[in-house]
């Protein structure tokens, strides 16, 4: 987790220095929305239920 945080901080500093911070923030938000959309219950399929007798 520490490496992920340090990579995120480095990316934030580099993107701010190069002027690409708004573009990076937009891409991150799009990725977050895709993760939320992909984890919705409608994509899980039907649960297994035991057969009734």
PDB file of N, CA and C in Angstrom:
ATOM      1  N   UNK A   1       0.831  -1.187   0.000  1.00  0.00           N
ATOM      2  CA  UNK A   1       0.000   0.000   0.000  1.00  0.00           C
ATOM      3  C   UNK A   1       0.873   1.247   0.000  1.00  0.00           C
ATOM      4  N   UNK A   2       2.001   1.168   0.674  1.00  0.00           N
ATOM      5  CA  UNK A   2       2.900   2.317   0.730  1.00  0.00           C
ATOM      6  C   UNK A   2       3.464   2.674  -0.627  1.00  0.00           C
ATOM      7  N   UNK A   3       3.772   1.654  -1.433  1.00  0.00           N
ATOM      8  CA  UNK A   3       4.296   1.908  -2.778  1.00  0.00           C
ATOM      9  C   UNK A   3       3.244   2.558  -3.657  1.00  0.00           C
ATOM     10  N   UNK A   4       1.989   2.127  -3.483  1.00  0.00           N
ATOM     11  CA  UNK A   4       0.895   2.705  -4.267  1.00  0.00           C
ATOM     12  C   UNK A   4       0.713   4.181  -3.922  1.00  0.00           C
ATOM     13  N   UNK A   5       0.793   4.496  -2.653  1.00  0.00           N
ATOM     14  CA  UNK A   5       0.645   5.894  -2.225  1.00  0.00           C
ATOM     15  C   UNK A   5       1.791   6.741  -2.754  1.00  0.00           C
ATOM     16  N   UNK A   6       3.008   6.220  -2.671  1.00  0.00           N
ATOM     17  CA  UNK A   6       4.145   7.001  -3.162  1.00  0.00           C
ATOM     18  C   UNK A   6       4.075   7.184  -4.677  1.00  0.00           C
ATOM     19  N   UNK A   7       3.573   6.177  -5.391  1.00  0.00           N
ATOM     20  CA  UNK A   7       3.394   6.333  -6.845  1.00  0.00           C
ATOM     21  C   UNK A   7       2.336   7.384  -7.151  1.00  0.00           C
ATOM     22  N   UNK A   8       1.257   7.404  -6.385  1.00  0.00           N
ATOM     23  CA  UNK A   8       0.200   8.387  -6.599  1.00  0.00           C
ATOM     24  C   UNK A   8       0.697   9.802  -6.327  1.00  0.00           C
ATOM     25  N   UNK A   9       1.488   9.960  -5.277  1.00  0.00           N
ATOM     26  CA  UNK A   9       2.047  11.276  -4.957  1.00  0.00           C
ATOM     27  C   UNK A   9       2.996  11.729  -6.060  1.00  0.00           C
ATOM     28  N   UNK A  10       3.846  10.819  -6.531  1.00  0.00           N
ATOM     29  CA  UNK A  10       4.777  11.169  -7.608  1.00  0.00           C
ATOM     30  C   UNK A  10       4.019  11.552  -8.871  1.00  0.00           C
ATOM     31  N   UNK A  11       2.959  10.802  -9.199  1.00  0.00           N
ATOM     32  CA  UNK A  11       2.143  11.123 -10.370  1.00  0.00           C
ATOM     33  C   UNK A  11       1.485  12.491 -10.222  1.00  0.00           C
ATOM     34  N   UNK A  12       1.001  12.788  -9.015  1.00  0.00           N
ATOM     35  CA  UNK A  12       0.358  14.084  -8.782  1.00  0.00           C
ATOM     36  C   UNK A  12       1.354  15.227  -8.954  1.00  0.00           C
ATOM     37  N   UNK A  13       2.560  15.067  -8.409  1.00  0.00           N
ATOM     38  CA  UNK A  13       3.568  16.124  -8.553  1.00  0.00           C
ATOM     39  C   UNK A  13       3.995  16.307 -10.004  1.00  0.00           C
ATOM     40  N   UNK A  14       4.226  15.201 -10.700  1.00  0.00           N
ATOM     41  CA  UNK A  14       4.645  15.292 -12.101  1.00  0.00           C
ATOM     42  C   UNK A  14       3.558  15.891 -12.985  1.00  0.00           C
ATOM     43  N   UNK A  15       2.319  15.491 -12.756  1.00  0.00           N
ATOM     44  CA  UNK A  15       1.239  16.020 -13.585  1.00  0.00           C
ATOM     45  C   UNK A  15       0.981  17.494 -13.278  1.00  0.00           C
ATOM     46  N   UNK A  16       1.120  17.887 -12.025  1.00  0.00           N
ATOM     47  CA  UNK A  16       0.948  19.302 -11.683  1.00  0.00           C
ATOM     48  C   UNK A  16       2.068  20.139 -12.282  1.00  0.00           C
ATOM     49  N   UNK A  17       3.282  19.608 -12.260  1.00  0.00           N
ATOM     50  CA  UNK A  17       4.411  20.348 -12.815  1.00  0.00           C
ATOM     51  C   UNK A  17       4.310  20.492 -14.324  1.00  0.00           C
ATOM     52  N   UNK A  18       3.748  19.495 -14.986  1.00  0.00           N
ATOM     53  CA  UNK A  18       3.655  19.547 -16.445  1.00  0.00           C
ATOM     54  C   UNK A  18       2.354  20.181 -16.937  1.00  0.00           C
ATOM     55  N   UNK A  19       1.439  20.474 -16.011  1.00  0.00           N
ATOM     56  CA  UNK A  19       0.183  21.115 -16.400  1.00  0.00           C
ATOM     57  C   UNK A  19      -0.892  20.134 -16.833  1.00  0.00           C
ATOM     58  N   UNK A  20      -0.691  18.849 -16.582  1.00  0.00           N
ATOM     59  CA  UNK A  20      -1.654  17.834 -17.003  1.00  0.00           C
ATOM     60  C   UNK A  20      -2.565  17.365 -15.874  1.00  0.00           C
ATOM     61  N   UNK A  21      -2.589  18.054 -14.755  1.00  0.00           N
ATOM     62  CA  UNK A  21      -3.374  17.613 -13.610  1.00  0.00           C
ATOM     63  C   UNK A  21      -4.870  17.506 -13.928  1.00  0.00           C
ATOM     64  N   UNK A  22      -5.493  18.483 -14.594  1.00  0.00           N
ATOM     65  CA  UNK A  22      -6.926  18.322 -14.900  1.00  0.00           C
ATOM     66  C   UNK A  22      -7.213  17.095 -15.777  1.00  0.00           C
ATOM     67  N   UNK A  23      -6.334  16.806 -16.717  1.00  0.00           N
ATOM     68  CA  UNK A  23      -6.518  15.642 -17.588  1.00  0.00           C
ATOM     69  C   UNK A  23      -6.415  14.341 -16.786  1.00  0.00           C
ATOM     70  N   UNK A  24      -5.430  14.286 -15.880  1.00  0.00           N
ATOM     71  CA  UNK A  24      -5.238  13.092 -15.043  1.00  0.00           C
ATOM     72  C   UNK A  24      -6.437  12.903 -14.119  1.00  0.00           C
ATOM     73  N   UNK A  25      -6.916  13.979 -13.503  1.00  0.00           N
ATOM     74  CA  UNK A  25      -8.064  13.888 -12.593  1.00  0.00           C
ATOM     75  C   UNK A  25      -9.285  13.389 -13.351  1.00  0.00           C
ATOM     76  N   UNK A  26      -9.479  13.868 -14.577  1.00  0.00           N
ATOM     77  CA  UNK A  26     -10.619  13.414 -15.392  1.00  0.00           C
ATOM     78  C   UNK A  26     -10.510  11.930 -15.699  1.00  0.00           C
ATOM     79  N   UNK A  27      -9.323  11.464 -16.057  1.00  0.00           N
ATOM     80  CA  UNK A  27      -9.124  10.043 -16.357  1.00  0.00           C
ATOM     81  C   UNK A  27      -9.362   9.177 -15.129  1.00  0.00           C
ATOM     82  N   UNK A  28      -8.937   9.657 -13.961  1.00  0.00           N
ATOM     83  CA  UNK A  28      -9.154   8.902 -12.724  1.00  0.00           C
ATOM     84  C   UNK A  28     -10.639   8.819 -12.413  1.00  0.00           C
ATOM     85  N   UNK A  29     -11.363   9.909 -12.595  1.00  0.00           N
ATOM     86  CA  UNK A  29     -12.810   9.893 -12.340  1.00  0.00           C
ATOM     87  C   UNK A  29     -13.529   8.946 -13.282  1.00  0.00           C
ATOM     88  N   UNK A  30     -13.124   8.921 -14.544  1.00  0.00           N
ATOM     89  CA  UNK A  30     -13.729   7.995 -15.510  1.00  0.00           C
ATOM     90  C   UNK A  30     -13.453   6.554 -15.096  1.00  0.00           C
ATOM     91  N   UNK A  31     -12.233   6.273 -14.655  1.00  0.00           N
ATOM     92  CA  UNK A  31     -11.888   4.922 -14.209  1.00  0.00           C
ATOM     93  C   UNK A  31     -12.702   4.533 -12.971  1.00  0.00           C
ATOM     94  N   UNK A  32     -12.914   5.473 -12.054  1.00  0.00           N
ATOM     95  CA  UNK A  32     -13.721   5.191 -10.876  1.00  0.00           C
ATOM     96  C   UNK A  32     -15.156   4.858 -11.266  1.00  0.00           C
ATOM     97  N   UNK A  33     -15.727   5.628 -12.190  1.00  0.00           N
ATOM     98  CA  UNK A  33     -17.097   5.367 -12.628  1.00  0.00           C
ATOM     99  C   UNK A  33     -17.208   4.005 -13.302  1.00  0.00           C
ATOM    100  N   UNK A  34     -16.197   3.629 -14.079  1.00  0.00           N
ATOM    101  CA  UNK A  34     -16.211   2.318 -14.726  1.00  0.00           C
ATOM    102  C   UNK A  34     -16.144   1.197 -13.691  1.00  0.00           C
ATOM    103  N   UNK A  35     -15.347   1.388 -12.633  1.00  0.00           N
ATOM    104  CA  UNK A  35     -15.280   0.387 -11.567  1.00  0.00           C
ATOM    105  C   UNK A  35     -16.611   0.257 -10.840  1.00  0.00           C
ATOM    106  N   UNK A  36     -17.251   1.390 -10.567  1.00  0.00           N
ATOM    107  CA  UNK A  36     -18.549   1.366  -9.891  1.00  0.00           C
ATOM    108  C   UNK A  36     -19.583   0.684 -10.776  1.00  0.00           C
ATOM    109  N   UNK A  37     -19.594   1.030 -12.046  1.00  0.00           N
ATOM    110  CA  UNK A  37     -20.559   0.440 -12.983  1.00  0.00           C
ATOM    111  C   UNK A  37     -20.331  -1.059 -13.117  1.00  0.00           C
ATOM    112  N   UNK A  38     -19.073  -1.481 -13.152  1.00  0.00           N
ATOM    113  CA  UNK A  38     -18.769  -2.896 -13.300  1.00  0.00           C
ATOM    114  C   UNK A  38     -19.073  -3.716 -12.062  1.00  0.00           C
ATOM    115  N   UNK A  39     -19.147  -3.085 -10.898  1.00  0.00           N
ATOM    116  CA  UNK A  39     -19.396  -3.829  -9.667  1.00  0.00           C
ATOM    117  C   UNK A  39     -20.859  -3.816  -9.256  1.00  0.00           C
ATOM    118  N   UNK A  40     -21.732  -3.291 -10.084  1.00  0.00           N
ATOM    119  CA  UNK A  40     -23.144  -3.267  -9.741  1.00  0.00           C
ATOM    120  C   UNK A  40     -23.704  -4.682  -9.718  1.00  0.00           C
ATOM    121  N   UNK A  41     -24.714  -4.870  -8.917  1.00  0.00           N
ATOM    122  CA  UNK A  41     -25.299  -6.200  -8.732  1.00  0.00           C
ATOM    123  C   UNK A  41     -25.907  -6.740 -10.021  1.00  0.00           C
ATOM    124  N   UNK A  42     -26.288  -5.888 -10.941  1.00  0.00           N
ATOM    125  CA  UNK A  42     -26.907  -6.366 -12.177  1.00  0.00           C
ATOM    126  C   UNK A  42     -25.919  -7.138 -13.039  1.00  0.00           C
ATOM    127  N   UNK A  43     -24.625  -6.982 -12.796  1.00  0.00           N
ATOM    128  CA  UNK A  43     -23.616  -7.703 -13.568  1.00  0.00           C
ATOM    129  C   UNK A  43     -23.178  -8.998 -12.895  1.00  0.00           C
ATOM    130  N   UNK A  44     -23.730  -9.326 -11.755  1.00  0.00           N
ATOM    131  CA  UNK A  44     -23.275 -10.485 -11.004  1.00  0.00           C
ATOM    132  C   UNK A  44     -23.867 -11.787 -11.501  1.00  0.00           C
ATOM    133  N   UNK A  45     -24.982 -11.756 -12.186  1.00  0.00           N
ATOM    134  CA  UNK A  45     -25.642 -12.988 -12.595  1.00  0.00           C
ATOM    135  C   UNK A  45     -26.599 -13.474 -11.522  1.00  0.00           C
ATOM    136  N   UNK A  46     -27.197 -14.617 -11.786  1.00  0.00           N
ATOM    137  CA  UNK A  46     -28.172 -15.152 -10.842  1.00  0.00           C
ATOM    138  C   UNK A  46     -27.475 -15.979  -9.769  1.00  0.00           C
ATOM    139  N   UNK A  47     -27.937 -15.870  -8.529  1.00  0.00           N
ATOM    140  CA  UNK A  47     -27.356 -16.706  -7.480  1.00  0.00           C
ATOM    141  C   UNK A  47     -27.831 -18.143  -7.616  1.00  0.00           C
ATOM    142  N   UNK A  48     -27.021 -19.080  -7.163  1.00  0.00           N
ATOM    143  CA  UNK A  48     -27.404 -20.472  -7.214  1.00  0.00           C
ATOM    144  C   UNK A  48     -28.396 -20.750  -6.101  1.00  0.00           C
ATOM    145  N   UNK A  49     -29.464 -21.394  -6.416  1.00  0.00           N
ATOM    146  CA  UNK A  49     -30.442 -21.802  -5.416  1.00  0.00           C
ATOM    147  C   UNK A  49     -30.606 -23.309  -5.487  1.00  0.00           C
ATOM    148  N   UNK A  50     -30.739 -23.952  -4.358  1.00  0.00           N
ATOM    149  CA  UNK A  50     -30.892 -25.401  -4.393  1.00  0.00           C
ATOM    150  C   UNK A  50     -32.230 -25.783  -5.019  1.00  0.00           C
ATOM    151  N   UNK A  51     -32.273 -26.899  -5.715  1.00  0.00           N
ATOM    152  CA  UNK A  51     -33.526 -27.299  -6.357  1.00  0.00           C
ATOM    153  C   UNK A  51     -34.589 -27.639  -5.301  1.00  0.00           C
ATOM    154  N   UNK A  52     -35.801 -27.271  -5.613  1.00  0.00           N
ATOM    155  CA  UNK A  52     -36.897 -27.575  -4.674  1.00  0.00           C
ATOM    156  C   UNK A  52     -37.381 -29.008  -4.918  1.00  0.00           C
ATOM    157  N   UNK A  53     -37.862 -29.616  -3.881  1.00  0.00           N
ATOM    158  CA  UNK A  53     -38.316 -31.010  -3.991  1.00  0.00           C
ATOM    159  C   UNK A  53     -39.729 -31.122  -4.414  1.00  0.00           C
TER     160      UNK A  53
END
